[in-house]
Amino acid sequence: MARPITLFTGQWADLPFEEVCRLAAEWGYDGLEIACWGDHFEVDRALAEDDYVARKRETLAKYDLSVYAISNHLVGQAVCDHPIDARHEAILPARIWGSGDPEEVRRRAAEEMKDTARAAARLGVTTVVGFTGSSIWHTVAMFPPVPPAMIEAGYQDFADRWNPILDVFDREGVRFAHEVHPSEIAYDHHTTTRALEAVDRREAFGLNWDPSHMVWQDVDPANFILDFADRIYHVDCKDTRIRRADGRRGRLSSHLPWADPRRAWDFVSTGRGDVPWEDCFRALNAIGYQGPISIEWEDAGMDRLQGAPESLAFIRALNAIEPPSTSFDAAFSKG
């Protein structure tokens, strides 16, 4: 299928935007999923400066690249998170962090996500990828015992904070693609169902499919596509390798840093891990997904200048798998 293959720029935000464009074009990417940090796409400037978006588009055109989505994971994380602490200060723009008062941070983050929808519309894209944060992720270990009412309150908090944001997305003709991911309101199959129900399955709220965190949680990423077929608004490709159990490696990874061999799992270059990629692409074909395939390259143990083009070649081959054909059954029905 002729789906465009893009590079997510989030792991490249230490480089100037034009340099990332040059590299992506040199490797053969069709476009970018542009992160709203570094100098790649600044939401406040996109709305305040008349020529900001035009200049971004000129840079993309210079390298014959398209843009299909922007991503604002970092600010979206702060909308619902509890607690708000030094981790958030490290990832948020100073104007969103302010004095660090938690509720004020959440309020400013929510307003920035509304502005992200407006900026996306100005750029001409209809999908914003990101995180939601969660007020109940800290209860996931289930001790002290968690009253059901606390979980229900967490989903209500998500709905109360995100529905006004999604109202702006609706007005701008933009959809939010939530990345299902540990630390979010939706991190596996059942929590995704609950999150969708919390916002009454409104069209503005869908999913960014990324199999990497599903695999180490033992969630089948191909069945996830089939189960949430009408909500797959964007696709990110990132791979995970599960290390052989040795009686010490736990799936929660023991606070060990990325690439530490004592961890039970880690990110690897796409195609080098345990994601069932062919099954997943056949599932994407089965649901008729026609959007971009974005490579989120993340491997602390490999040079990214090697890994990014290698991942592109792997995904391009998968992208050539043909969708189901009605002519196949017809050929056999003639006897």
C-alpha atoms as a PDB file:
ATOM      1  CA  MET A   1       0.000   0.000   0.000  1.00  0.00           C
ATOM      2  CA  ALA A   2       1.302   3.460  -0.866  1.00  0.00           C
ATOM      3  CA  ARG A   3       1.249   4.886   2.628  1.00  0.00           C
ATOM      4  CA  PRO A   4       3.806   7.626   3.298  1.00  0.00           C
ATOM      5  CA  ILE A   5       6.615   6.767   5.687  1.00  0.00           C
ATOM      6  CA  THR A   6       7.643   9.568   8.008  1.00  0.00           C
ATOM      7  CA  LEU A   7      10.252  10.156  10.690  1.00  0.00           C
ATOM      8  CA  PHE A   8       9.122  11.307  14.124  1.00  0.00           C
ATOM      9  CA  THR A   9      11.422  14.171  15.070  1.00  0.00           C
ATOM     10  CA  GLY A  10      11.018  13.903  18.848  1.00  0.00           C
ATOM     11  CA  GLN A  11      14.260  11.948  19.319  1.00  0.00           C
ATOM     12  CA  TRP A  12      16.078  14.427  17.061  1.00  0.00           C
ATOM     13  CA  ALA A  13      15.083  17.676  18.751  1.00  0.00           C
ATOM     14  CA  ASP A  14      18.692  18.364  19.738  1.00  0.00           C
ATOM     15  CA  LEU A  15      19.324  19.039  16.047  1.00  0.00           C
ATOM     16  CA  PRO A  16      18.024  22.077  14.167  1.00  0.00           C
ATOM     17  CA  PHE A  17      14.825  21.441  12.227  1.00  0.00           C
ATOM     18  CA  GLU A  18      16.477  21.988   8.855  1.00  0.00           C
ATOM     19  CA  GLU A  19      19.224  19.482   9.646  1.00  0.00           C
ATOM     20  CA  VAL A  20      16.604  16.837  10.484  1.00  0.00           C
ATOM     21  CA  CYS A  21      14.842  17.632   7.199  1.00  0.00           C
ATOM     22  CA  ARG A  22      18.114  17.206   5.328  1.00  0.00           C
ATOM     23  CA  LEU A  23      18.856  13.852   6.952  1.00  0.00           C
ATOM     24  CA  ALA A  24      15.317  12.506   6.483  1.00  0.00           C
ATOM     25  CA  ALA A  25      15.330  13.462   2.802  1.00  0.00           C
ATOM     26  CA  GLU A  26      18.795  11.970   2.281  1.00  0.00           C
ATOM     27  CA  TRP A  27      17.629   8.655   3.759  1.00  0.00           C
ATOM     28  CA  GLY A  28      14.471   8.585   1.626  1.00  0.00           C
ATOM     29  CA  TYR A  29      11.680   9.424   4.080  1.00  0.00           C
ATOM     30  CA  ASP A  30       8.484  10.836   2.569  1.00  0.00           C
ATOM     31  CA  GLY A  31       7.885  13.324   5.345  1.00  0.00           C
ATOM     32  CA  LEU A  32       7.983  14.097   9.046  1.00  0.00           C
ATOM     33  CA  GLU A  33       5.871  13.757  12.149  1.00  0.00           C
ATOM     34  CA  ILE A  34       7.025  17.009  13.716  1.00  0.00           C
ATOM     35  CA  ALA A  35       7.558  17.288  17.466  1.00  0.00           C
ATOM     36  CA  CYS A  36       6.452  20.452  19.266  1.00  0.00           C
ATOM     37  CA  TRP A  37       9.761  20.913  21.066  1.00  0.00           C
ATOM     38  CA  GLY A  38      13.264  22.016  20.229  1.00  0.00           C
ATOM     39  CA  ASP A  39      13.019  24.403  17.292  1.00  0.00           C
ATOM     40  CA  HIS A  40      10.995  21.891  15.274  1.00  0.00           C
ATOM     41  CA  PHE A  41       7.530  23.366  15.845  1.00  0.00           C
ATOM     42  CA  GLU A  42       6.774  25.991  18.482  1.00  0.00           C
ATOM     43  CA  VAL A  43       3.047  26.289  19.075  1.00  0.00           C
ATOM     44  CA  ASP A  44       3.135  29.810  20.510  1.00  0.00           C
ATOM     45  CA  ARG A  45       5.173  31.142  17.592  1.00  0.00           C
ATOM     46  CA  ALA A  46       2.978  29.357  15.048  1.00  0.00           C
ATOM     47  CA  LEU A  47       0.029  31.372  16.323  1.00  0.00           C
ATOM     48  CA  ALA A  48       1.812  34.648  17.066  1.00  0.00           C
ATOM     49  CA  GLU A  49       4.035  35.086  13.986  1.00  0.00           C
ATOM     50  CA  ASP A  50       2.365  35.541  10.609  1.00  0.00           C
ATOM     51  CA  ASP A  51       5.192  33.912   8.637  1.00  0.00           C
ATOM     52  CA  TYR A  52       6.214  31.132  11.051  1.00  0.00           C
ATOM     53  CA  VAL A  53       4.155  28.350   9.470  1.00  0.00           C
ATOM     54  CA  ALA A  54       5.033  29.510   5.962  1.00  0.00           C
ATOM     55  CA  ARG A  55       8.746  29.293   6.792  1.00  0.00           C
ATOM     56  CA  LYS A  56       8.347  25.760   8.139  1.00  0.00           C
ATOM     57  CA  ARG A  57       6.570  24.748   4.968  1.00  0.00           C
ATOM     58  CA  GLU A  58       9.300  26.327   2.854  1.00  0.00           C
ATOM     59  CA  THR A  59      11.924  24.267   4.676  1.00  0.00           C
ATOM     60  CA  LEU A  60       9.924  21.071   4.153  1.00  0.00           C
ATOM     61  CA  ALA A  61       9.453  21.886   0.466  1.00  0.00           C
ATOM     62  CA  LYS A  62      13.173  22.555   0.067  1.00  0.00           C
ATOM     63  CA  TYR A  63      13.795  18.892   0.946  1.00  0.00           C
ATOM     64  CA  ASP A  64      10.672  17.559  -0.810  1.00  0.00           C
ATOM     65  CA  LEU A  65       9.123  16.445   2.481  1.00  0.00           C
ATOM     66  CA  SER A  66       5.489  16.427   3.599  1.00  0.00           C
ATOM     67  CA  VAL A  67       3.996  16.744   7.080  1.00  0.00           C
ATOM     68  CA  TYR A  68       1.010  14.648   8.129  1.00  0.00           C
ATOM     69  CA  ALA A  69       0.979  15.126  11.906  1.00  0.00           C
ATOM     70  CA  ILE A  70       2.494  17.133  14.718  1.00  0.00           C
ATOM     71  CA  SER A  71       3.117  15.738  18.178  1.00  0.00           C
ATOM     72  CA  ASN A  72       2.903  17.399  21.560  1.00  0.00           C
ATOM     73  CA  HIS A  73       3.532  14.558  23.983  1.00  0.00           C
ATOM     74  CA  LEU A  74       5.392  16.630  26.560  1.00  0.00           C
ATOM     75  CA  VAL A  75       2.771  19.276  27.218  1.00  0.00           C
ATOM     76  CA  GLY A  76      -0.097  16.796  26.915  1.00  0.00           C
ATOM     77  CA  GLN A  77       1.491  14.740  29.696  1.00  0.00           C
ATOM     78  CA  ALA A  78       0.990  17.582  32.156  1.00  0.00           C
ATOM     79  CA  VAL A  79      -2.744  17.995  31.546  1.00  0.00           C
ATOM     80  CA  CYS A  80      -3.784  15.162  33.893  1.00  0.00           C
ATOM     81  CA  ASP A  81      -0.633  14.055  35.678  1.00  0.00           C
ATOM     82  CA  HIS A  82      -0.380  13.622  39.418  1.00  0.00           C
ATOM     83  CA  PRO A  83       2.016  14.398  40.917  1.00  0.00           C
ATOM     84  CA  ILE A  84       3.449  17.320  38.969  1.00  0.00           C
ATOM     85  CA  ASP A  85       7.114  17.501  39.920  1.00  0.00           C
ATOM     86  CA  ALA A  86      10.686  18.050  38.758  1.00  0.00           C
ATOM     87  CA  ARG A  87      10.253  15.563  35.918  1.00  0.00           C
ATOM     88  CA  HIS A  88       7.703  17.860  34.331  1.00  0.00           C
ATOM     89  CA  GLU A  89       9.806  20.945  34.871  1.00  0.00           C
ATOM     90  CA  ALA A  90      12.534  19.211  32.838  1.00  0.00           C
ATOM     91  CA  ILE A  91      10.291  18.638  29.802  1.00  0.00           C
ATOM     92  CA  LEU A  92       7.927  21.627  29.766  1.00  0.00           C
ATOM     93  CA  PRO A  93       8.496  25.089  28.301  1.00  0.00           C
ATOM     94  CA  ALA A  94       9.173  27.618  31.065  1.00  0.00           C
ATOM     95  CA  ARG A  95       5.970  29.487  30.201  1.00  0.00           C
ATOM     96  CA  ILE A  96       3.958  26.297  30.900  1.00  0.00           C
ATOM     97  CA  TRP A  97       5.860  25.427  34.083  1.00  0.00           C
ATOM     98  CA  GLY A  98       5.628  28.939  35.544  1.00  0.00           C
ATOM     99  CA  SER A  99       5.983  28.789  39.313  1.00  0.00           C
ATOM    100  CA  GLY A 100       5.410  25.031  39.321  1.00  0.00           C
ATOM    101  CA  ASP A 101       2.066  25.167  41.129  1.00  0.00           C
ATOM    102  CA  PRO A 102       0.567  21.807  40.018  1.00  0.00           C
ATOM    103  CA  GLU A 103      -2.933  22.953  39.164  1.00  0.00           C
ATOM    104  CA  GLU A 104      -1.664  26.010  37.339  1.00  0.00           C
ATOM    105  CA  VAL A 105       0.712  23.802  35.332  1.00  0.00           C
ATOM    106  CA  ARG A 106      -2.209  21.555  34.370  1.00  0.00           C
ATOM    107  CA  ARG A 107      -4.342  24.536  33.391  1.00  0.00           C
ATOM    108  CA  ARG A 108      -1.624  26.086  31.227  1.00  0.00           C
ATOM    109  CA  ALA A 109      -0.879  22.699  29.636  1.00  0.00           C
ATOM    110  CA  ALA A 110      -4.559  22.318  28.731  1.00  0.00           C
ATOM    111  CA  GLU A 111      -4.611  25.744  27.091  1.00  0.00           C
ATOM    112  CA  GLU A 112      -1.459  24.869  25.159  1.00  0.00           C
ATOM    113  CA  MET A 113      -3.092  21.695  23.849  1.00  0.00           C
ATOM    114  CA  LYS A 114      -6.022  23.782  22.601  1.00  0.00           C
ATOM    115  CA  ASP A 115      -3.515  26.040  20.895  1.00  0.00           C
ATOM    116  CA  THR A 116      -1.815  22.963  19.440  1.00  0.00           C
ATOM    117  CA  ALA A 117      -5.031  22.131  17.604  1.00  0.00           C
ATOM    118  CA  ARG A 118      -5.180  25.692  16.270  1.00  0.00           C
ATOM    119  CA  ALA A 119      -1.533  25.574  15.197  1.00  0.00           C
ATOM    120  CA  ALA A 120      -2.031  22.202  13.496  1.00  0.00           C
ATOM    121  CA  ALA A 121      -4.917  23.619  11.497  1.00  0.00           C
ATOM    122  CA  ARG A 122      -2.765  26.576  10.493  1.00  0.00           C
ATOM    123  CA  LEU A 123      -0.035  24.181   9.344  1.00  0.00           C
ATOM    124  CA  GLY A 124      -2.616  22.212   7.371  1.00  0.00           C
ATOM    125  CA  VAL A 125      -2.488  18.911   9.270  1.00  0.00           C
ATOM    126  CA  THR A 126      -5.463  17.141  10.788  1.00  0.00           C
ATOM    127  CA  THR A 127      -3.794  14.936  13.419  1.00  0.00           C
ATOM    128  CA  VAL A 128      -2.048  15.805  16.672  1.00  0.00           C
ATOM    129  CA  VAL A 129      -0.291  12.903  18.384  1.00  0.00           C
ATOM    130  CA  GLY A 130       0.404  12.992  22.094  1.00  0.00           C
ATOM    131  CA  PHE A 131      -0.028  11.920  25.681  1.00  0.00           C
ATOM    132  CA  THR A 132      -2.834  12.728  28.097  1.00  0.00           C
ATOM    133  CA  GLY A 133      -1.154  12.163  31.436  1.00  0.00           C
ATOM    134  CA  SER A 134      -3.012  10.360  34.215  1.00  0.00           C
ATOM    135  CA  SER A 135      -4.028  11.202  37.754  1.00  0.00           C
ATOM    136  CA  ILE A 136      -4.189   7.479  38.649  1.00  0.00           C
ATOM    137  CA  TRP A 137      -1.080   5.978  37.069  1.00  0.00           C
ATOM    138  CA  HIS A 138       0.658   6.194  40.449  1.00  0.00           C
ATOM    139  CA  THR A 139      -1.891   3.637  41.740  1.00  0.00           C
ATOM    140  CA  VAL A 140      -0.984   0.977  39.180  1.00  0.00           C
ATOM    141  CA  ALA A 141       0.920  -1.159  41.719  1.00  0.00           C
ATOM    142  CA  MET A 142      -2.384  -1.489  43.626  1.00  0.00           C
ATOM    143  CA  PHE A 143      -0.910  -0.912  47.061  1.00  0.00           C
ATOM    144  CA  PRO A 144      -2.032   0.607  49.280  1.00  0.00           C
ATOM    145  CA  PRO A 145      -5.317  -0.941  48.119  1.00  0.00           C
ATOM    146  CA  VAL A 146      -7.042   1.283  45.576  1.00  0.00           C
ATOM    147  CA  PRO A 147     -10.760   1.930  46.075  1.00  0.00           C
ATOM    148  CA  PRO A 148     -12.740   1.559  42.835  1.00  0.00           C
ATOM    149  CA  ALA A 149     -14.037   5.085  43.379  1.00  0.00           C
ATOM    150  CA  MET A 150     -10.498   6.429  43.037  1.00  0.00           C
ATOM    151  CA  ILE A 151     -10.115   4.800  39.618  1.00  0.00           C
ATOM    152  CA  GLU A 152     -13.496   6.100  38.501  1.00  0.00           C
ATOM    153  CA  ALA A 153     -12.490   9.572  39.664  1.00  0.00           C
ATOM    154  CA  GLY A 154      -9.341   9.299  37.563  1.00  0.00           C
ATOM    155  CA  TYR A 155     -11.309   8.666  34.387  1.00  0.00           C
ATOM    156  CA  GLN A 156     -13.714  11.458  35.270  1.00  0.00           C
ATOM    157  CA  ASP A 157     -10.763  13.800  35.809  1.00  0.00           C
ATOM    158  CA  PHE A 158      -9.475  12.838  32.358  1.00  0.00           C
ATOM    159  CA  ALA A 159     -12.865  13.552  30.784  1.00  0.00           C
ATOM    160  CA  ASP A 160     -13.279  16.842  32.627  1.00  0.00           C
ATOM    161  CA  ARG A 161      -9.853  18.097  31.537  1.00  0.00           C
ATOM    162  CA  TRP A 162      -9.790  16.755  27.980  1.00  0.00           C
ATOM    163  CA  ASN A 163     -13.343  17.342  26.766  1.00  0.00           C
ATOM    164  CA  PRO A 164     -12.849  21.141  26.614  1.00  0.00           C
ATOM    165  CA  ILE A 165      -9.589  20.544  24.725  1.00  0.00           C
ATOM    166  CA  LEU A 166     -11.360  18.203  22.321  1.00  0.00           C
ATOM    167  CA  ASP A 167     -14.052  20.820  21.768  1.00  0.00           C
ATOM    168  CA  VAL A 168     -11.353  23.025  20.230  1.00  0.00           C
ATOM    169  CA  PHE A 169     -10.063  20.093  18.176  1.00  0.00           C
ATOM    170  CA  ASP A 170     -13.586  19.657  16.798  1.00  0.00           C
ATOM    171  CA  ARG A 171     -13.872  23.319  15.896  1.00  0.00           C
ATOM    172  CA  GLU A 172     -10.505  23.247  14.119  1.00  0.00           C
ATOM    173  CA  GLY A 173     -11.192  20.029  12.218  1.00  0.00           C
ATOM    174  CA  VAL A 174      -8.275  18.273  13.916  1.00  0.00           C
ATOM    175  CA  ARG A 175      -8.186  14.913  15.704  1.00  0.00           C
ATOM    176  CA  PHE A 176      -6.136  13.908  18.756  1.00  0.00           C
ATOM    177  CA  ALA A 177      -4.305  10.574  18.516  1.00  0.00           C
ATOM    178  CA  HIS A 178      -3.507   9.428  22.047  1.00  0.00           C
ATOM    179  CA  GLU A 179      -0.426   7.232  22.296  1.00  0.00           C
ATOM    180  CA  VAL A 180      -1.346   4.187  24.385  1.00  0.00           C
ATOM    181  CA  HIS A 181       1.580   4.012  26.773  1.00  0.00           C
ATOM    182  CA  PRO A 182       2.430   3.306  30.424  1.00  0.00           C
ATOM    183  CA  SER A 183       1.937   6.446  32.558  1.00  0.00           C
ATOM    184  CA  GLU A 184      -1.117   7.469  30.476  1.00  0.00           C
ATOM    185  CA  ILE A 185      -4.845   7.194  31.130  1.00  0.00           C
ATOM    186  CA  ALA A 186      -4.885   4.453  28.454  1.00  0.00           C
ATOM    187  CA  TYR A 187      -1.908   2.100  28.549  1.00  0.00           C
ATOM    188  CA  ASP A 188      -3.307  -1.298  27.487  1.00  0.00           C
ATOM    189  CA  HIS A 189      -6.453  -2.840  25.987  1.00  0.00           C
ATOM    190  CA  HIS A 190      -8.900  -2.421  28.854  1.00  0.00           C
ATOM    191  CA  THR A 191      -7.738   1.026  29.903  1.00  0.00           C
ATOM    192  CA  THR A 192      -8.071   2.152  26.289  1.00  0.00           C
ATOM    193  CA  THR A 193     -11.695   1.013  26.293  1.00  0.00           C
ATOM    194  CA  ARG A 194     -12.328   2.896  29.536  1.00  0.00           C
ATOM    195  CA  ALA A 195     -10.699   6.060  28.236  1.00  0.00           C
ATOM    196  CA  LEU A 196     -12.800   6.002  25.062  1.00  0.00           C
ATOM    197  CA  GLU A 197     -15.938   5.473  27.121  1.00  0.00           C
ATOM    198  CA  ALA A 198     -14.993   8.328  29.463  1.00  0.00           C
ATOM    199  CA  VAL A 199     -15.218  10.808  26.565  1.00  0.00           C
ATOM    200  CA  ASP A 200     -18.280   9.092  25.046  1.00  0.00           C
ATOM    201  CA  ARG A 201     -16.215   7.813  22.129  1.00  0.00           C
ATOM    202  CA  ARG A 202     -16.248  11.235  20.555  1.00  0.00           C
ATOM    203  CA  GLU A 203     -14.628  11.392  17.119  1.00  0.00           C
ATOM    204  CA  ALA A 204     -12.016  13.947  18.135  1.00  0.00           C
ATOM    205  CA  PHE A 205     -10.305  11.387  20.398  1.00  0.00           C
ATOM    206  CA  GLY A 206      -8.537   8.437  18.806  1.00  0.00           C
ATOM    207  CA  LEU A 207      -5.323   6.480  19.088  1.00  0.00           C
ATOM    208  CA  ASN A 208      -1.733   6.526  17.981  1.00  0.00           C
ATOM    209  CA  TRP A 209      -0.748   2.883  17.548  1.00  0.00           C
ATOM    210  CA  ASP A 210       2.773   2.156  18.774  1.00  0.00           C
ATOM    211  CA  PRO A 211       3.447  -1.532  19.479  1.00  0.00           C
ATOM    212  CA  SER A 212       6.622  -1.181  21.516  1.00  0.00           C
ATOM    213  CA  HIS A 213       5.084  -0.705  24.960  1.00  0.00           C
ATOM    214  CA  MET A 214       2.340  -3.210  24.212  1.00  0.00           C
ATOM    215  CA  VAL A 215       4.840  -6.000  23.641  1.00  0.00           C
ATOM    216  CA  TRP A 216       6.565  -5.783  27.009  1.00  0.00           C
ATOM    217  CA  GLN A 217       3.138  -5.638  28.681  1.00  0.00           C
ATOM    218  CA  ASP A 218       2.102  -8.846  26.838  1.00  0.00           C
ATOM    219  CA  VAL A 219      -0.598  -7.011  24.884  1.00  0.00           C
ATOM    220  CA  ASP A 220      -0.997  -8.276  21.310  1.00  0.00           C
ATOM    221  CA  PRO A 221      -0.399  -5.233  19.070  1.00  0.00           C
ATOM    222  CA  ALA A 222      -1.992  -6.812  15.994  1.00  0.00           C
ATOM    223  CA  ASN A 223      -5.238  -7.661  17.775  1.00  0.00           C
ATOM    224  CA  PHE A 224      -5.197  -4.161  19.264  1.00  0.00           C
ATOM    225  CA  ILE A 225      -5.407  -2.786  15.710  1.00  0.00           C
ATOM    226  CA  LEU A 226      -8.362  -5.010  14.902  1.00  0.00           C
ATOM    227  CA  ASP A 227     -10.150  -4.290  18.175  1.00  0.00           C
ATOM    228  CA  PHE A 228      -9.841  -0.512  17.834  1.00  0.00           C
ATOM    229  CA  ALA A 229     -10.020  -0.331  14.050  1.00  0.00           C
ATOM    230  CA  ASP A 230     -12.139   2.820  13.922  1.00  0.00           C
ATOM    231  CA  ARG A 231      -9.797   4.669  16.293  1.00  0.00           C
ATOM    232  CA  ILE A 232      -6.391   4.108  14.724  1.00  0.00           C
ATOM    233  CA  TYR A 233      -5.730   7.703  13.680  1.00  0.00           C
ATOM    234  CA  HIS A 234      -1.952   7.486  13.384  1.00  0.00           C
ATOM    235  CA  VAL A 235       0.793   4.837  13.407  1.00  0.00           C
ATOM    236  CA  ASP A 236       4.196   5.029  15.081  1.00  0.00           C
ATOM    237  CA  CYS A 237       6.686   2.185  14.622  1.00  0.00           C
ATOM    238  CA  LYS A 238       9.064   1.473  17.473  1.00  0.00           C
ATOM    239  CA  ASP A 239      10.451  -1.953  18.396  1.00  0.00           C
ATOM    240  CA  THR A 240      11.057  -3.686  21.717  1.00  0.00           C
ATOM    241  CA  ARG A 241      13.223  -6.662  22.567  1.00  0.00           C
ATOM    242  CA  ILE A 242      12.326  -8.875  25.521  1.00  0.00           C
ATOM    243  CA  ARG A 243      15.461 -10.240  27.164  1.00  0.00           C
ATOM    244  CA  ARG A 244      15.572 -13.844  28.274  1.00  0.00           C
ATOM    245  CA  ALA A 245      14.347 -14.305  31.835  1.00  0.00           C
ATOM    246  CA  ASP A 246      17.114 -15.005  34.337  1.00  0.00           C
ATOM    247  CA  GLY A 247      15.193 -14.869  37.611  1.00  0.00           C
ATOM    248  CA  ARG A 248      16.327 -11.283  38.195  1.00  0.00           C
ATOM    249  CA  ARG A 249      14.907  -9.302  35.268  1.00  0.00           C
ATOM    250  CA  GLY A 250      11.467  -7.943  36.009  1.00  0.00           C
ATOM    251  CA  ARG A 251       9.196  -6.386  33.391  1.00  0.00           C
ATOM    252  CA  LEU A 252       9.069  -3.095  35.325  1.00  0.00           C
ATOM    253  CA  SER A 253      12.851  -2.813  34.800  1.00  0.00           C
ATOM    254  CA  SER A 254      13.900  -1.895  38.343  1.00  0.00           C
ATOM    255  CA  HIS A 255      14.554   1.829  37.658  1.00  0.00           C
ATOM    256  CA  LEU A 256      17.539   0.801  35.546  1.00  0.00           C
ATOM    257  CA  PRO A 257      18.564   3.129  32.689  1.00  0.00           C
ATOM    258  CA  TRP A 258      17.910   2.419  29.015  1.00  0.00           C
ATOM    259  CA  ALA A 259      20.311  -0.105  27.450  1.00  0.00           C
ATOM    260  CA  ASP A 260      21.342  -1.524  30.829  1.00  0.00           C
ATOM    261  CA  PRO A 261      21.621  -5.294  30.163  1.00  0.00           C
ATOM    262  CA  ARG A 262      19.987  -6.040  33.529  1.00  0.00           C
ATOM    263  CA  ARG A 263      16.684  -4.683  32.226  1.00  0.00           C
ATOM    264  CA  ALA A 264      14.073  -7.218  31.100  1.00  0.00           C
ATOM    265  CA  TRP A 265      13.294  -5.264  27.919  1.00  0.00           C
ATOM    266  CA  ASP A 266      14.574  -2.373  25.891  1.00  0.00           C
ATOM    267  CA  PHE A 267      13.949  -0.427  22.698  1.00  0.00           C
ATOM    268  CA  VAL A 268      15.833  -1.581  19.628  1.00  0.00           C
ATOM    269  CA  SER A 269      16.037  -0.491  16.011  1.00  0.00           C
ATOM    270  CA  THR A 270      12.849  -1.395  14.150  1.00  0.00           C
ATOM    271  CA  GLY A 271      12.969  -4.975  12.932  1.00  0.00           C
ATOM    272  CA  ARG A 272      15.484  -6.132  15.537  1.00  0.00           C
ATOM    273  CA  GLY A 273      13.020  -6.868  18.321  1.00  0.00           C
ATOM    274  CA  ASP A 274       9.940  -8.889  19.236  1.00  0.00           C
ATOM    275  CA  VAL A 275       7.115  -6.910  17.654  1.00  0.00           C
ATOM    276  CA  PRO A 276       5.204  -9.221  15.235  1.00  0.00           C
ATOM    277  CA  TRP A 277       5.552  -6.698  12.433  1.00  0.00           C
ATOM    278  CA  GLU A 278       4.109  -8.693   9.553  1.00  0.00           C
ATOM    279  CA  ASP A 279       0.982  -9.563  11.544  1.00  0.00           C
ATOM    280  CA  CYS A 280       0.633  -5.906  12.484  1.00  0.00           C
ATOM    281  CA  PHE A 281       0.913  -4.634   8.918  1.00  0.00           C
ATOM    282  CA  ARG A 282      -1.560  -7.220   7.721  1.00  0.00           C
ATOM    283  CA  ALA A 283      -3.919  -5.975  10.446  1.00  0.00           C
ATOM    284  CA  LEU A 284      -3.425  -2.371   9.286  1.00  0.00           C
ATOM    285  CA  ASN A 285      -4.269  -3.509   5.762  1.00  0.00           C
ATOM    286  CA  ALA A 286      -7.330  -5.371   7.006  1.00  0.00           C
ATOM    287  CA  ILE A 287      -8.784  -2.253   8.654  1.00  0.00           C
ATOM    288  CA  GLY A 288      -7.991  -0.128   5.604  1.00  0.00           C
ATOM    289  CA  TYR A 289      -5.562   2.210   7.341  1.00  0.00           C
ATOM    290  CA  GLN A 290      -4.298   4.680   4.735  1.00  0.00           C
ATOM    291  CA  GLY A 291      -2.464   7.211   6.914  1.00  0.00           C
ATOM    292  CA  PRO A 292       1.236   7.779   7.491  1.00  0.00           C
ATOM    293  CA  ILE A 293       3.569   5.175   8.958  1.00  0.00           C
ATOM    294  CA  SER A 294       5.884   7.109  11.252  1.00  0.00           C
ATOM    295  CA  ILE A 295       9.162   5.659  12.477  1.00  0.00           C
ATOM    296  CA  GLU A 296       9.904   6.633  16.070  1.00  0.00           C
ATOM    297  CA  TRP A 297      13.522   5.601  16.156  1.00  0.00           C
ATOM    298  CA  GLU A 298      14.745   4.930  19.684  1.00  0.00           C
ATOM    299  CA  ASP A 299      17.626   2.633  20.538  1.00  0.00           C
ATOM    300  CA  ALA A 300      20.109   3.690  23.207  1.00  0.00           C
ATOM    301  CA  GLY A 301      22.514   0.982  22.036  1.00  0.00           C
ATOM    302  CA  MET A 302      22.814   2.004  18.364  1.00  0.00           C
ATOM    303  CA  ASP A 303      23.999   5.050  16.471  1.00  0.00           C
ATOM    304  CA  ARG A 304      20.806   6.755  15.292  1.00  0.00           C
ATOM    305  CA  LEU A 305      22.430   7.745  11.993  1.00  0.00           C
ATOM    306  CA  GLN A 306      22.646   4.026  11.245  1.00  0.00           C
ATOM    307  CA  GLY A 307      19.377   2.995  12.856  1.00  0.00           C
ATOM    308  CA  ALA A 308      17.025   5.497  11.232  1.00  0.00           C
ATOM    309  CA  PRO A 309      17.755   4.519   7.594  1.00  0.00           C
ATOM    310  CA  GLU A 310      17.880   0.836   8.557  1.00  0.00           C
ATOM    311  CA  SER A 311      14.413   1.095  10.107  1.00  0.00           C
ATOM    312  CA  LEU A 312      13.101   2.891   7.029  1.00  0.00           C
ATOM    313  CA  ALA A 313      14.211   0.036   4.758  1.00  0.00           C
ATOM    314  CA  PHE A 314      12.545  -2.518   7.027  1.00  0.00           C
ATOM    315  CA  ILE A 315       9.241  -0.645   7.223  1.00  0.00           C
ATOM    316  CA  ARG A 316       9.200   0.117   3.506  1.00  0.00           C
ATOM    317  CA  ALA A 317       9.305  -3.620   2.763  1.00  0.00           C
ATOM    318  CA  LEU A 318       6.402  -4.264   5.165  1.00  0.00           C
ATOM    319  CA  ASN A 319       4.457  -1.397   3.670  1.00  0.00           C
ATOM    320  CA  ALA A 320       4.520  -3.237   0.339  1.00  0.00           C
ATOM    321  CA  ILE A 321       2.413  -6.115   1.713  1.00  0.00           C
ATOM    322  CA  GLU A 322      -0.787  -6.114  -0.309  1.00  0.00           C
ATOM    323  CA  PRO A 323      -4.183  -5.769   1.388  1.00  0.00           C
ATOM    324  CA  PRO A 324      -6.732  -8.612   1.193  1.00  0.00           C
ATOM    325  CA  SER A 325      -8.010  -9.096  -2.351  1.00  0.00           C
ATOM    326  CA  THR A 326     -11.584 -10.001  -3.229  1.00  0.00           C
ATOM    327  CA  SER A 327     -10.296 -11.466  -6.498  1.00  0.00           C
ATOM    328  CA  PHE A 328      -8.517 -14.223  -4.555  1.00  0.00           C
ATOM    329  CA  ASP A 329     -11.797 -15.679  -3.276  1.00  0.00           C
ATOM    330  CA  ALA A 330     -13.438 -15.075  -6.638  1.00  0.00           C
ATOM    331  CA  ALA A 331     -10.783 -17.135  -8.406  1.00  0.00           C
ATOM    332  CA  PHE A 332     -11.520 -20.158  -6.237  1.00  0.00           C
ATOM    333  CA  SER A 333     -15.289 -19.746  -6.330  1.00  0.00           C
ATOM    334  CA  LYS A 334     -15.301 -20.566 -10.062  1.00  0.00           C
ATOM    335  CA  GLY A 335     -14.205 -24.088  -9.354  1.00  0.00           C
END
